[in-house]
Protein backbone atom coordinates (compact mmCIF):
# COMPACT_ATOMS: atom_id res chain seq x y z
CA MET A 1 -83.11 33.99 -156.80
CA THR A 2 -85.16 37.08 -158.11
CA SER A 3 -87.18 39.35 -155.05
CA GLU A 4 -89.85 37.58 -156.43
CA ASN A 5 -88.78 34.72 -155.67
CA ARG A 6 -87.08 35.56 -151.69
CA ARG A 7 -89.92 34.83 -148.22
CA ALA A 8 -89.39 36.73 -145.40
CA LEU A 9 -87.50 33.22 -143.13
CA THR A 10 -89.95 32.52 -140.53
CA LEU A 11 -90.17 31.33 -136.95
CA ARG A 12 -91.09 27.79 -139.21
CA ASP A 13 -87.50 27.94 -140.42
CA VAL A 14 -86.06 28.07 -137.59
CA SER A 15 -88.36 24.92 -136.61
CA GLU A 16 -88.22 22.48 -138.93
CA ALA A 17 -84.30 23.22 -138.60
CA SER A 18 -83.07 23.11 -134.77
CA GLY A 19 -85.69 20.13 -135.05
CA VAL A 20 -88.51 21.99 -132.30
CA SER A 21 -92.05 22.99 -131.63
CA GLU A 22 -92.04 26.46 -132.70
CA MET A 23 -92.80 28.02 -129.20
CA THR A 24 -89.73 26.18 -127.78
CA VAL A 25 -87.94 28.21 -130.36
CA SER A 26 -89.66 31.64 -129.76
CA ARG A 27 -88.41 31.02 -126.72
CA VAL A 28 -85.41 30.88 -127.10
CA LEU A 29 -84.97 33.56 -128.74
CA ARG A 30 -87.07 36.28 -126.55
CA ASN A 31 -84.80 35.06 -124.08
CA ARG A 32 -88.22 33.46 -121.78
CA GLY A 33 -89.12 30.53 -120.72
CA ASP A 34 -86.66 27.26 -119.59
CA VAL A 35 -85.12 25.26 -122.16
CA SER A 36 -81.82 23.40 -121.48
CA GLU A 37 -78.34 24.26 -122.47
CA LYS A 38 -78.64 22.45 -125.98
CA THR A 39 -81.56 22.95 -127.04
CA ARG A 40 -80.83 26.10 -127.02
CA THR A 41 -77.16 26.86 -128.71
CA ARG A 42 -79.00 23.63 -131.05
CA VAL A 43 -82.05 27.08 -132.05
CA LEU A 44 -79.17 29.80 -131.62
CA ASP A 45 -77.13 27.99 -134.23
CA ALA A 46 -80.31 27.33 -136.39
CA ALA A 47 -81.58 30.29 -136.71
CA ARG A 48 -77.57 32.01 -137.75
CA ALA A 49 -76.79 29.00 -139.98
CA LEU A 50 -80.19 30.22 -142.09
CA GLY A 51 -79.38 34.33 -141.15
CA TYR A 52 -82.84 34.41 -138.67
CA VAL A 53 -84.04 37.84 -137.29
CA PRO A 54 -86.39 37.88 -135.42
CA ASN A 55 -89.38 40.38 -136.40
CA LYS A 56 -89.09 43.29 -133.06
CA ILE A 57 -91.64 44.82 -134.32
CA ALA A 58 -94.21 42.09 -133.12
CA GLY A 59 -93.42 42.21 -130.36
CA ALA A 60 -93.01 45.61 -129.87
CA LEU A 61 -96.89 45.62 -130.70
CA ALA A 62 -97.21 43.86 -127.47
CA SER A 63 -94.85 45.53 -125.50
CA GLN A 64 -95.09 48.99 -126.33
CA ARG A 65 -91.31 49.04 -126.55
CA VAL A 66 -88.38 48.07 -129.00
CA ASN A 67 -85.30 48.36 -127.20
CA LEU A 68 -83.56 51.30 -129.13
CA VAL A 69 -82.55 53.99 -128.11
CA ALA A 70 -82.84 57.81 -129.82
CA VAL A 71 -80.01 60.19 -129.84
CA ILE A 72 -80.54 63.51 -131.74
CA ILE A 73 -77.37 65.54 -132.02
CA PRO A 74 -76.25 68.69 -134.25
CA SER A 75 -74.16 67.24 -136.28
CA MET A 76 -71.51 65.19 -137.04
CA SER A 77 -68.87 67.13 -138.71
CA ASN A 78 -68.14 68.69 -135.41
CA LEU A 79 -65.27 66.04 -133.47
CA VAL A 80 -66.78 66.58 -130.65
CA PHE A 81 -70.90 64.58 -131.44
CA PRO A 82 -68.70 61.18 -132.94
CA GLU A 83 -66.88 60.82 -129.75
CA VAL A 84 -70.67 61.61 -127.43
CA MET A 85 -71.89 58.76 -130.16
CA MET A 86 -68.79 56.22 -129.48
CA GLY A 87 -69.97 56.95 -126.18
CA ILE A 88 -73.12 56.37 -126.21
CA SER A 89 -72.45 53.26 -127.82
CA SER A 90 -69.57 51.78 -125.33
CA VAL A 91 -72.25 51.77 -122.71
CA LEU A 92 -74.88 50.31 -124.60
CA ASP A 93 -72.90 47.18 -126.04
CA ASP A 94 -73.82 45.53 -122.83
CA THR A 95 -77.23 45.42 -123.56
CA PRO A 96 -80.24 45.44 -125.89
CA LEU A 97 -80.40 48.40 -126.55
CA GLN A 98 -79.51 50.00 -130.16
CA PRO A 99 -79.28 53.57 -130.51
CA VAL A 100 -80.31 55.91 -133.51
CA VAL A 101 -79.32 59.05 -134.20
CA GLY A 102 -81.41 61.68 -135.77
CA LEU A 103 -79.64 65.21 -135.92
CA SER A 104 -81.27 68.28 -135.62
CA HIS A 105 -78.38 70.75 -137.71
CA TYR A 106 -78.76 72.98 -134.62
CA ARG A 107 -82.21 74.01 -135.40
CA PRO A 108 -85.06 73.75 -133.06
CA GLU A 109 -88.59 72.68 -135.28
CA ARG A 110 -85.98 69.90 -136.66
CA GLU A 111 -85.16 68.44 -133.59
CA GLU A 112 -88.79 68.61 -132.82
CA ALA A 113 -89.51 66.75 -136.14
CA VAL A 114 -86.94 64.10 -136.12
CA LEU A 115 -87.99 63.73 -131.86
CA TYR A 116 -91.56 63.33 -133.72
CA GLU A 117 -90.75 60.70 -135.62
CA MET A 118 -88.59 59.26 -133.49
CA LEU A 119 -91.66 58.56 -130.18
CA SER A 120 -92.88 57.08 -132.56
CA TRP A 121 -91.42 53.78 -132.87
CA ARG A 122 -91.97 54.01 -128.51
CA PRO A 123 -87.89 53.82 -128.01
CA SER A 124 -86.74 52.62 -124.45
CA GLY A 125 -85.31 56.19 -123.28
CA ILE A 126 -84.62 59.33 -125.69
CA ILE A 127 -80.31 61.08 -125.01
CA LEU A 128 -80.66 64.49 -126.83
CA ALA A 129 -78.17 67.47 -126.48
CA GLY A 130 -79.05 70.23 -124.68
CA LEU A 131 -81.66 71.75 -122.57
CA GLU A 132 -82.94 74.51 -125.12
CA HIS A 133 -86.02 73.24 -126.74
CA THR A 134 -89.45 73.62 -128.46
CA ASP A 135 -91.79 73.84 -126.06
CA ALA A 136 -94.40 70.91 -128.36
CA ALA A 137 -90.68 69.05 -127.87
CA ARG A 138 -91.24 70.11 -124.06
CA ALA A 139 -94.16 68.96 -124.38
CA MET A 140 -93.62 65.00 -126.57
CA LEU A 141 -90.45 64.13 -123.77
CA ALA A 142 -92.85 65.37 -120.82
CA ASN A 143 -94.80 63.20 -121.57
CA ALA A 144 -92.83 60.06 -122.90
CA GLY A 145 -93.17 58.22 -120.06
CA ILE A 146 -89.61 57.42 -121.03
CA PRO A 147 -86.10 58.39 -119.36
CA VAL A 148 -85.14 61.81 -121.58
CA VAL A 149 -81.12 62.99 -121.25
CA GLU A 150 -79.52 66.23 -122.37
CA ILE A 151 -76.38 65.48 -122.09
CA MET A 152 -73.82 68.56 -122.71
CA ASP A 153 -74.92 71.47 -121.08
CA ALA A 154 -75.93 71.96 -117.70
CA ASP A 155 -76.90 75.56 -117.93
CA GLY A 156 -80.98 75.65 -117.34
CA ASP A 157 -83.82 72.61 -115.97
CA PRO A 158 -83.67 69.55 -116.80
CA ILE A 159 -87.03 67.44 -118.34
CA ASP A 160 -85.87 64.28 -117.24
CA ALA A 161 -82.33 63.83 -115.97
CA MET A 162 -79.43 66.39 -117.27
CA VAL A 163 -75.44 65.17 -118.20
CA GLY A 164 -72.66 68.20 -118.81
CA ILE A 165 -71.28 71.56 -117.45
CA SER A 166 -72.35 74.98 -117.37
CA HIS A 167 -71.04 76.90 -120.33
CA ARG A 168 -71.38 80.24 -118.96
CA ARG A 169 -68.97 79.33 -116.30
CA ALA A 170 -66.34 77.56 -118.89
CA GLY A 171 -66.73 80.68 -120.74
CA ARG A 172 -66.56 83.41 -117.97
CA LEU A 173 -63.40 81.72 -116.51
CA MET A 174 -61.83 81.77 -119.73
CA GLY A 175 -62.04 85.09 -120.41
CA GLU A 176 -60.93 85.80 -116.75
CA GLU A 177 -57.23 83.76 -117.31
CA ILE A 178 -56.94 85.46 -120.67
CA VAL A 179 -57.51 88.88 -118.55
CA LYS A 180 -54.46 87.68 -115.87
CA SER A 181 -52.66 86.99 -118.94
CA GLY A 182 -52.59 90.29 -120.38
CA TYR A 183 -54.45 91.11 -123.34
CA ARG A 184 -56.59 93.00 -123.89
CA ARG A 185 -57.53 93.79 -128.11
CA VAL A 186 -59.97 90.07 -128.01
CA ALA A 187 -61.94 88.96 -130.77
CA PHE A 188 -64.18 85.90 -131.10
CA LEU A 189 -65.30 83.77 -133.83
CA GLY A 190 -68.19 81.72 -133.76
CA THR A 191 -69.48 79.29 -136.65
CA LYS A 192 -73.11 77.80 -136.03
CA MET A 193 -74.60 81.37 -134.01
CA PRO A 194 -77.11 82.30 -132.71
CA LEU A 195 -78.13 78.52 -132.81
CA ASP A 196 -74.78 76.98 -131.04
CA HIS A 197 -76.91 77.47 -127.15
CA ARG A 198 -74.15 75.80 -126.03
CA ALA A 199 -71.04 78.43 -127.49
CA ARG A 200 -73.64 81.30 -126.80
CA LYS A 201 -73.74 80.95 -123.36
CA ARG A 202 -70.25 80.94 -123.77
CA PHE A 203 -69.46 83.88 -125.76
CA GLU A 204 -71.49 85.29 -122.91
CA GLY A 205 -70.67 84.08 -119.36
CA PHE A 206 -66.67 84.93 -121.72
CA THR A 207 -67.72 88.17 -122.12
CA GLN A 208 -69.20 89.47 -118.54
CA ALA A 209 -65.95 88.30 -117.75
CA LEU A 210 -64.22 90.92 -119.54
CA ALA A 211 -66.95 93.74 -119.42
CA LYS A 212 -65.99 93.14 -115.18
CA ALA A 213 -62.50 93.94 -116.04
CA GLY A 214 -63.02 97.09 -118.36
CA ILE A 215 -62.38 95.24 -121.52
CA GLU A 216 -65.12 95.29 -124.59
CA ILE A 217 -64.40 93.03 -127.57
CA ALA A 218 -62.55 94.72 -130.16
CA ASP A 219 -63.53 92.41 -133.16
CA GLN A 220 -66.25 89.84 -133.56
CA GLU A 221 -66.42 87.35 -137.03
CA PHE A 222 -69.33 84.72 -137.38
CA TYR A 223 -70.17 82.31 -139.68
CA ALA A 224 -74.55 80.67 -139.73
CA GLY A 225 -73.00 77.74 -141.62
CA GLY A 226 -71.06 74.10 -139.69
CA SER A 227 -67.36 74.71 -138.53
CA ALA A 228 -64.21 73.50 -140.88
CA LEU A 229 -61.08 74.26 -141.22
CA LEU A 230 -60.89 75.87 -144.01
CA LYS A 231 -63.16 78.17 -142.56
CA GLY A 232 -61.78 79.21 -139.26
CA ARG A 233 -58.59 80.35 -141.91
CA GLU A 234 -60.81 82.27 -143.65
CA MET A 235 -62.08 83.80 -140.76
CA THR A 236 -59.01 84.38 -138.85
CA GLU A 237 -57.96 86.12 -141.68
CA ALA A 238 -61.10 87.98 -141.77
CA VAL A 239 -61.21 89.70 -138.59
CA LEU A 240 -56.66 90.50 -138.39
CA SER A 241 -57.55 92.30 -141.91
CA ARG A 242 -60.12 93.89 -140.39
CA THR A 243 -58.55 94.71 -136.62
CA PRO A 244 -54.59 94.24 -137.25
CA ASP A 245 -53.69 94.95 -133.84
CA ILE A 246 -56.38 92.07 -131.82
CA ASP A 247 -54.08 90.20 -128.99
CA PHE A 248 -56.33 87.22 -128.75
CA LEU A 249 -58.51 84.98 -130.70
CA TYR A 250 -60.87 83.53 -128.93
CA TYR A 251 -63.06 80.34 -130.96
CA SER A 252 -66.47 79.53 -130.77
CA ASN A 253 -65.44 75.75 -131.38
CA ASP A 254 -62.27 73.40 -131.66
CA MET A 255 -62.22 73.41 -135.54
CA ILE A 256 -62.46 77.02 -136.34
CA GLY A 257 -60.17 77.31 -133.71
CA ALA A 258 -57.19 75.28 -135.55
CA GLY A 259 -58.21 76.40 -139.03
CA GLY A 260 -57.63 79.96 -137.77
CA LEU A 261 -54.25 78.71 -135.39
CA LEU A 262 -52.90 77.02 -139.06
CA TYR A 263 -52.79 80.23 -139.97
CA CYS A 264 -51.29 82.46 -137.39
CA LEU A 265 -48.38 79.94 -137.85
CA GLU A 266 -48.42 79.86 -141.70
CA LYS A 267 -48.32 84.51 -141.01
CA GLY A 268 -46.07 83.60 -138.14
CA PHE A 269 -47.27 85.42 -135.52
CA ASP A 270 -46.00 84.41 -132.38
CA ILE A 271 -48.49 82.63 -130.61
CA PRO A 272 -49.04 83.20 -127.78
CA GLY A 273 -46.39 85.73 -127.94
CA SER A 274 -48.36 88.73 -129.78
CA LEU A 275 -51.30 87.34 -130.66
CA GLY A 276 -52.92 84.47 -127.46
């Protein structure tokens, strides 16, 4: 069959296949009204056999909402974000809601554009990473009339609800532990800086803890692109070649940290003895 001969299935097709009225088919598919279990099963079996999928857009015109939850995250290359998506999906599995994903690539203007497009579909809710947004994005979120959940951060004022940790506190605790362990020549290695607000906040807390102990960052290596094992190796090699007396390497995320660890082990560094 050519595309010209194809036509979209309608309620009438399901009605004819199941032997009930279009109104009854509509009630069953929308899970509305009083319909016997026998009739419901007959309609659902017919719809499944035909491959019929209800037109959600038509229903959305009346309700002004679709059963979608908009999710905006910075990236899918950093392992933490696929895990976040799996968690969101597992919670929504037992509901009529489905997540739809957009990527901001750590760029506020990109997040604003993705948000605008997603809100135009009138989702039932929105989940987005972080608390920092453009003024226009904050205005859209504040006036969307739907639940807004900002995740993965707690250092700031949420528009509606937030779920996350204090990255400044996490960085500060890390700095305190490093000082307590006796390290003094510390280097910082980070990607997506300064666009990754959560990494930036950890770095702020980290340097505050070091400064309190009279320690300054001895060297730092920033990369504007994304995280990867190879990039972690390259950044680590650059720092240790430039400042060989470094005794602790602090990474902005696990991916480049793992790459750095592999490089150090290959080069025979005593981890975590002479180098932490």
